[in-house]
Amino acid sequence: MSDEQKETIAPDFKKTGGLIPAIAQDASTGEILMMAYMNEAALQKTIETGEVHYWSRSRQELWHKGGTSGHVQKLRDIRLDCDGDAILVKIEQVGGAACHTGLRSCFHYSWQGAAFRLEGGERVFDPAEVYKK
């Protein structure tokens, strides 16, 4: 089947109120590093630049991942789920950490009996030093 004959789908930003969950996955290891949101502008900027951009709900602005820290996400592949309302970005994480806390992954809490507890993970960077807060 040629590329022209393949079925196509577009993200359905209207269905989700303008924002679509975007999961960042390490392209070489398969590790899930973070989840954020994309609007149409973030998706377009990601495609144009080859580095991942998200929509910051707290700051209400386009956010270039790693723009401050230098820990950018180099785009390797983009996938869209069958309903058009979730995005998977397969990335190369520059600097070794995706999480603003300095850990590699944002998913560093594990359910342990009665609570979520920090599980392993050494800090790749010191957030106080990188973000000057």
N, C-alpha and C. Protein backbone atom coordinates (compact mmCIF):
# COMPACT_ATOMS: atom_id res chain seq x y z
N MET A 1 0.84 -1.17 0.00
CA MET A 1 0.00 0.00 0.00
C MET A 1 0.89 1.25 0.00
N SER A 2 0.63 2.15 -0.89
CA SER A 2 1.43 3.38 -0.95
C SER A 2 1.03 4.32 0.17
N ASP A 3 1.91 5.30 0.42
CA ASP A 3 1.62 6.28 1.47
C ASP A 3 0.32 7.02 1.19
N GLU A 4 0.03 7.28 -0.07
CA GLU A 4 -1.20 8.01 -0.43
C GLU A 4 -2.45 7.20 -0.13
N GLN A 5 -2.34 5.87 -0.11
CA GLN A 5 -3.49 5.01 0.11
C GLN A 5 -3.74 4.69 1.59
N LYS A 6 -2.78 5.01 2.45
CA LYS A 6 -2.92 4.69 3.86
C LYS A 6 -3.94 5.61 4.52
N GLU A 7 -4.66 5.05 5.49
CA GLU A 7 -5.64 5.81 6.26
C GLU A 7 -4.94 6.91 7.06
N THR A 8 -5.55 8.06 7.16
CA THR A 8 -4.99 9.16 7.94
C THR A 8 -5.96 9.56 9.05
N ILE A 9 -5.42 10.20 10.05
CA ILE A 9 -6.20 10.72 11.19
C ILE A 9 -5.50 11.99 11.65
N ALA A 10 -6.25 12.89 12.23
CA ALA A 10 -5.69 14.13 12.77
C ALA A 10 -6.03 14.21 14.26
N PRO A 11 -5.21 14.88 15.03
CA PRO A 11 -5.53 15.07 16.45
C PRO A 11 -6.86 15.81 16.59
N ASP A 12 -7.67 15.37 17.55
CA ASP A 12 -8.98 15.97 17.77
C ASP A 12 -8.91 16.89 18.99
N PHE A 13 -8.35 18.08 18.78
CA PHE A 13 -8.20 19.04 19.88
C PHE A 13 -9.55 19.55 20.38
N LYS A 14 -10.56 19.59 19.52
CA LYS A 14 -11.88 20.08 19.93
C LYS A 14 -12.51 19.15 20.97
N LYS A 15 -12.35 17.85 20.77
CA LYS A 15 -12.94 16.87 21.68
C LYS A 15 -12.38 17.01 23.09
N THR A 16 -11.15 17.44 23.21
CA THR A 16 -10.47 17.48 24.50
C THR A 16 -10.32 18.89 25.06
N GLY A 17 -11.06 19.85 24.53
CA GLY A 17 -10.99 21.20 25.05
C GLY A 17 -9.74 21.96 24.66
N GLY A 18 -9.07 21.50 23.61
CA GLY A 18 -7.91 22.22 23.10
C GLY A 18 -6.57 21.64 23.52
N LEU A 19 -6.56 20.75 24.52
CA LEU A 19 -5.31 20.14 24.99
C LEU A 19 -5.40 18.62 24.89
N ILE A 20 -4.30 18.02 24.43
CA ILE A 20 -4.22 16.56 24.32
C ILE A 20 -3.07 16.08 25.20
N PRO A 21 -3.31 15.03 26.01
CA PRO A 21 -2.20 14.47 26.79
C PRO A 21 -1.10 13.98 25.86
N ALA A 22 0.13 14.26 26.24
CA ALA A 22 1.29 13.84 25.46
C ALA A 22 2.25 13.10 26.38
N ILE A 23 2.50 11.85 26.07
CA ILE A 23 3.39 11.02 26.86
C ILE A 23 4.75 11.01 26.19
N ALA A 24 5.80 11.30 26.96
CA ALA A 24 7.17 11.27 26.44
C ALA A 24 7.81 9.95 26.83
N GLN A 25 8.28 9.22 25.81
CA GLN A 25 8.90 7.92 26.01
C GLN A 25 10.31 7.93 25.43
N ASP A 26 11.27 7.40 26.18
CA ASP A 26 12.64 7.29 25.67
C ASP A 26 12.61 6.38 24.45
N ALA A 27 13.07 6.87 23.31
CA ALA A 27 13.00 6.13 22.06
C ALA A 27 13.86 4.88 22.07
N SER A 28 14.95 4.87 22.84
CA SER A 28 15.81 3.69 22.82
C SER A 28 15.50 2.68 23.91
N THR A 29 15.04 3.13 25.09
CA THR A 29 14.79 2.18 26.18
C THR A 29 13.32 1.84 26.37
N GLY A 30 12.42 2.69 25.88
CA GLY A 30 10.99 2.48 26.08
C GLY A 30 10.49 3.03 27.40
N GLU A 31 11.37 3.58 28.23
CA GLU A 31 10.97 4.12 29.53
C GLU A 31 10.06 5.33 29.35
N ILE A 32 8.97 5.36 30.12
CA ILE A 32 8.08 6.52 30.13
C ILE A 32 8.72 7.57 31.03
N LEU A 33 8.93 8.77 30.47
CA LEU A 33 9.64 9.80 31.22
C LEU A 33 8.72 10.86 31.81
N MET A 34 7.67 11.22 31.10
CA MET A 34 6.78 12.26 31.61
C MET A 34 5.49 12.30 30.82
N MET A 35 4.53 13.05 31.33
CA MET A 35 3.28 13.31 30.64
C MET A 35 3.00 14.80 30.79
N ALA A 36 2.64 15.43 29.70
CA ALA A 36 2.27 16.85 29.72
C ALA A 36 1.15 17.01 28.70
N TYR A 37 0.85 18.23 28.33
CA TYR A 37 -0.22 18.48 27.37
C TYR A 37 0.30 19.26 26.17
N MET A 38 -0.31 19.00 25.03
CA MET A 38 -0.02 19.75 23.81
C MET A 38 -1.31 20.37 23.30
N ASN A 39 -1.18 21.58 22.80
CA ASN A 39 -2.24 22.17 22.00
C ASN A 39 -1.76 22.14 20.55
N GLU A 40 -2.54 22.69 19.64
CA GLU A 40 -2.14 22.65 18.22
C GLU A 40 -0.81 23.35 17.99
N ALA A 41 -0.60 24.49 18.65
CA ALA A 41 0.64 25.25 18.47
C ALA A 41 1.85 24.46 18.96
N ALA A 42 1.72 23.76 20.09
CA ALA A 42 2.82 22.97 20.63
C ALA A 42 3.17 21.82 19.68
N LEU A 43 2.15 21.17 19.16
CA LEU A 43 2.40 20.07 18.22
C LEU A 43 3.08 20.58 16.96
N GLN A 44 2.60 21.69 16.44
CA GLN A 44 3.20 22.26 15.23
C GLN A 44 4.65 22.67 15.46
N LYS A 45 4.93 23.32 16.59
CA LYS A 45 6.28 23.76 16.91
C LYS A 45 7.21 22.54 17.08
N THR A 46 6.70 21.48 17.68
CA THR A 46 7.46 20.24 17.84
C THR A 46 7.85 19.68 16.48
N ILE A 47 6.89 19.62 15.57
CA ILE A 47 7.15 19.10 14.23
C ILE A 47 8.14 19.99 13.48
N GLU A 48 7.96 21.31 13.59
CA GLU A 48 8.83 22.26 12.88
C GLU A 48 10.27 22.23 13.38
N THR A 49 10.47 22.13 14.70
CA THR A 49 11.81 22.27 15.27
C THR A 49 12.52 20.96 15.53
N GLY A 50 11.78 19.86 15.67
CA GLY A 50 12.40 18.58 16.02
C GLY A 50 12.72 18.47 17.50
N GLU A 51 12.29 19.46 18.29
CA GLU A 51 12.40 19.41 19.75
C GLU A 51 11.00 19.59 20.32
N VAL A 52 10.72 18.86 21.41
CA VAL A 52 9.35 18.81 21.91
C VAL A 52 8.96 20.09 22.64
N HIS A 53 7.76 20.54 22.32
CA HIS A 53 7.12 21.69 22.97
C HIS A 53 5.80 21.22 23.56
N TYR A 54 5.42 21.79 24.67
CA TYR A 54 4.17 21.46 25.33
C TYR A 54 3.42 22.76 25.63
N TRP A 55 2.19 22.61 26.14
CA TRP A 55 1.44 23.75 26.64
C TRP A 55 1.49 23.69 28.16
N SER A 56 1.99 24.73 28.79
CA SER A 56 2.05 24.80 30.24
C SER A 56 0.70 25.28 30.76
N ARG A 57 -0.01 24.40 31.47
CA ARG A 57 -1.31 24.79 32.04
C ARG A 57 -1.14 25.79 33.18
N SER A 58 -0.06 25.68 33.94
CA SER A 58 0.13 26.59 35.07
C SER A 58 0.52 27.99 34.60
N ARG A 59 1.36 28.08 33.56
CA ARG A 59 1.81 29.39 33.06
C ARG A 59 0.96 29.90 31.90
N GLN A 60 0.11 29.01 31.36
CA GLN A 60 -0.73 29.37 30.21
C GLN A 60 0.10 29.89 29.04
N GLU A 61 1.15 29.10 28.69
CA GLU A 61 1.99 29.50 27.57
C GLU A 61 2.66 28.28 26.95
N LEU A 62 3.11 28.46 25.72
CA LEU A 62 3.89 27.43 25.05
C LEU A 62 5.18 27.22 25.81
N TRP A 63 5.60 25.96 25.93
CA TRP A 63 6.74 25.60 26.76
C TRP A 63 7.68 24.71 25.95
N HIS A 64 8.88 25.20 25.70
CA HIS A 64 9.92 24.40 25.04
C HIS A 64 10.60 23.58 26.11
N LYS A 65 10.36 22.28 26.12
CA LYS A 65 10.95 21.41 27.15
C LYS A 65 12.46 21.52 27.11
N GLY A 66 13.05 21.91 28.22
CA GLY A 66 14.49 22.06 28.32
C GLY A 66 14.98 23.44 27.93
N GLY A 67 14.07 24.35 27.60
CA GLY A 67 14.46 25.70 27.22
C GLY A 67 15.24 26.42 28.31
N THR A 68 14.93 26.15 29.57
CA THR A 68 15.64 26.76 30.69
C THR A 68 16.79 25.87 31.17
N SER A 69 16.51 24.59 31.32
CA SER A 69 17.50 23.66 31.91
C SER A 69 18.53 23.15 30.91
N GLY A 70 18.20 23.20 29.62
CA GLY A 70 19.07 22.60 28.62
C GLY A 70 18.78 21.13 28.39
N HIS A 71 17.87 20.56 29.16
CA HIS A 71 17.51 19.14 29.04
C HIS A 71 16.37 18.98 28.03
N VAL A 72 16.68 19.30 26.78
CA VAL A 72 15.67 19.25 25.72
C VAL A 72 15.33 17.82 25.35
N GLN A 73 14.19 17.68 24.68
CA GLN A 73 13.76 16.39 24.17
C GLN A 73 13.82 16.43 22.65
N LYS A 74 14.75 15.66 22.09
CA LYS A 74 14.90 15.57 20.63
C LYS A 74 13.86 14.57 20.12
N LEU A 75 13.04 15.03 19.19
CA LEU A 75 11.96 14.21 18.65
C LEU A 75 12.50 13.10 17.76
N ARG A 76 12.07 11.88 18.00
CA ARG A 76 12.44 10.74 17.16
C ARG A 76 11.24 10.19 16.41
N ASP A 77 10.04 10.29 17.01
CA ASP A 77 8.81 9.79 16.38
C ASP A 77 7.62 10.39 17.13
N ILE A 78 6.52 10.56 16.43
CA ILE A 78 5.26 10.99 17.07
C ILE A 78 4.20 9.98 16.69
N ARG A 79 3.42 9.55 17.68
CA ARG A 79 2.32 8.62 17.46
C ARG A 79 1.04 9.26 17.99
N LEU A 80 -0.06 8.94 17.35
CA LEU A 80 -1.38 9.43 17.76
C LEU A 80 -2.25 8.21 18.01
N ASP A 81 -2.99 8.20 19.11
CA ASP A 81 -3.83 7.04 19.39
C ASP A 81 -5.03 6.98 18.45
N CYS A 82 -5.76 5.87 18.48
CA CYS A 82 -6.83 5.60 17.52
C CYS A 82 -8.00 6.58 17.61
N ASP A 83 -8.18 7.23 18.76
CA ASP A 83 -9.27 8.20 18.91
C ASP A 83 -8.82 9.62 18.60
N GLY A 84 -7.53 9.82 18.35
CA GLY A 84 -7.00 11.14 18.05
C GLY A 84 -6.92 12.06 19.24
N ASP A 85 -6.94 11.48 20.47
CA ASP A 85 -6.94 12.34 21.65
C ASP A 85 -5.83 12.06 22.65
N ALA A 86 -4.76 11.40 22.18
CA ALA A 86 -3.56 11.20 23.01
C ALA A 86 -2.36 11.06 22.08
N ILE A 87 -1.27 11.70 22.48
CA ILE A 87 -0.05 11.71 21.67
C ILE A 87 1.06 10.99 22.44
N LEU A 88 1.87 10.23 21.70
CA LEU A 88 3.07 9.63 22.24
C LEU A 88 4.24 10.22 21.47
N VAL A 89 5.16 10.88 22.19
CA VAL A 89 6.37 11.37 21.54
C VAL A 89 7.52 10.48 21.98
N LYS A 90 8.17 9.88 21.02
CA LYS A 90 9.36 9.08 21.30
C LYS A 90 10.54 10.02 21.13
N ILE A 91 11.33 10.10 22.19
CA ILE A 91 12.33 11.16 22.25
C ILE A 91 13.71 10.66 22.68
N GLU A 92 14.70 11.50 22.43
CA GLU A 92 16.01 11.35 23.02
C GLU A 92 16.11 12.44 24.07
N GLN A 93 16.22 12.06 25.33
CA GLN A 93 16.27 13.03 26.42
C GLN A 93 17.70 13.52 26.61
N VAL A 94 17.95 14.76 26.25
CA VAL A 94 19.28 15.35 26.40
C VAL A 94 19.50 15.68 27.88
N GLY A 95 20.69 15.39 28.38
CA GLY A 95 21.03 15.72 29.77
C GLY A 95 20.61 14.67 30.77
N GLY A 96 19.89 13.65 30.33
CA GLY A 96 19.57 12.52 31.20
C GLY A 96 18.37 12.66 32.10
N ALA A 97 17.74 13.84 32.19
CA ALA A 97 16.60 14.00 33.10
C ALA A 97 15.45 14.70 32.41
N ALA A 98 14.26 14.13 32.54
CA ALA A 98 13.05 14.76 32.02
C ALA A 98 12.30 15.54 33.09
N CYS A 99 12.48 15.13 34.35
CA CYS A 99 11.70 15.72 35.43
C CYS A 99 12.34 16.99 35.99
N HIS A 100 11.50 17.97 36.28
CA HIS A 100 12.01 19.24 36.84
C HIS A 100 12.59 19.07 38.23
N THR A 101 12.37 17.89 38.85
CA THR A 101 12.94 17.63 40.18
C THR A 101 14.39 17.15 40.09
N GLY A 102 14.86 16.96 38.85
CA GLY A 102 16.23 16.50 38.65
C GLY A 102 16.35 15.00 38.45
N LEU A 103 15.26 14.27 38.59
CA LEU A 103 15.26 12.83 38.36
C LEU A 103 15.01 12.53 36.88
N ARG A 104 15.43 11.36 36.44
CA ARG A 104 15.30 10.98 35.04
C ARG A 104 13.84 11.00 34.58
N SER A 105 12.96 10.39 35.35
CA SER A 105 11.55 10.27 34.98
C SER A 105 10.67 10.97 36.00
N CYS A 106 9.55 11.48 35.55
CA CYS A 106 8.57 12.07 36.47
C CYS A 106 7.81 10.99 37.24
N PHE A 107 7.88 9.76 36.76
CA PHE A 107 7.15 8.66 37.39
C PHE A 107 8.07 7.92 38.36
N HIS A 108 8.47 8.61 39.43
CA HIS A 108 9.41 8.04 40.38
C HIS A 108 8.77 7.69 41.72
N TYR A 109 7.45 7.74 41.81
CA TYR A 109 6.76 7.32 43.02
C TYR A 109 6.05 6.00 42.74
N SER A 110 6.20 5.05 43.66
CA SER A 110 5.63 3.72 43.52
C SER A 110 4.67 3.45 44.68
N TRP A 111 3.52 2.82 44.37
CA TRP A 111 2.55 2.48 45.43
C TRP A 111 3.17 1.39 46.29
N GLN A 112 3.29 1.68 47.58
CA GLN A 112 3.91 0.73 48.50
C GLN A 112 3.03 0.56 49.73
N GLY A 113 2.02 -0.28 49.59
CA GLY A 113 1.13 -0.61 50.70
C GLY A 113 0.04 0.40 50.93
N ALA A 114 0.37 1.53 51.51
CA ALA A 114 -0.65 2.51 51.87
C ALA A 114 -0.38 3.90 51.30
N ALA A 115 0.72 4.05 50.57
CA ALA A 115 1.07 5.38 50.06
C ALA A 115 2.02 5.24 48.87
N PHE A 116 2.09 6.32 48.09
CA PHE A 116 3.10 6.39 47.03
C PHE A 116 4.39 6.88 47.66
N ARG A 117 5.47 6.14 47.43
CA ARG A 117 6.76 6.49 48.02
C ARG A 117 7.82 6.60 46.92
N LEU A 118 8.75 7.51 47.14
CA LEU A 118 9.86 7.68 46.21
C LEU A 118 10.61 6.37 46.10
N GLU A 119 10.82 5.96 44.86
CA GLU A 119 11.51 4.69 44.62
C GLU A 119 12.77 4.94 43.82
N GLY A 120 13.91 4.78 44.47
CA GLY A 120 15.19 4.89 43.78
C GLY A 120 15.37 6.21 43.04
N GLY A 121 16.31 6.20 42.17
CA GLY A 121 16.54 7.35 41.33
C GLY A 121 17.43 8.40 41.96
N GLU A 122 18.61 8.51 41.44
CA GLU A 122 19.49 9.59 41.87
C GLU A 122 19.21 10.82 41.03
N ARG A 123 19.39 11.96 41.62
CA ARG A 123 19.19 13.20 40.89
C ARG A 123 20.27 13.35 39.82
N VAL A 124 19.84 13.68 38.63
CA VAL A 124 20.75 13.91 37.52
C VAL A 124 21.27 15.35 37.59
N PHE A 125 20.42 16.24 38.11
CA PHE A 125 20.84 17.63 38.29
C PHE A 125 20.15 18.21 39.51
N ASP A 126 20.69 19.32 40.01
CA ASP A 126 20.13 20.02 41.16
C ASP A 126 19.17 21.08 40.66
N PRO A 127 17.86 20.90 40.89
CA PRO A 127 16.89 21.88 40.38
C PRO A 127 17.12 23.30 40.90
N ALA A 128 17.56 23.46 42.14
CA ALA A 128 17.81 24.80 42.69
C ALA A 128 18.89 25.51 41.89
N GLU A 129 19.90 24.77 41.47
CA GLU A 129 21.00 25.36 40.69
C GLU A 129 20.55 25.66 39.26
N VAL A 130 19.83 24.73 38.66
CA VAL A 130 19.43 24.89 37.25
C VAL A 130 18.36 25.98 37.09
N TYR A 131 17.36 26.00 37.99
CA TYR A 131 16.26 26.95 37.85
C TYR A 131 16.45 28.21 38.68
N LYS A 132 17.51 28.27 39.47
CA LYS A 132 17.84 29.44 40.28
C LYS A 132 16.68 29.90 41.14
N LYS A 133 16.02 28.93 41.80
CA LYS A 133 14.89 29.24 42.68
C LYS A 133 15.27 29.06 44.12
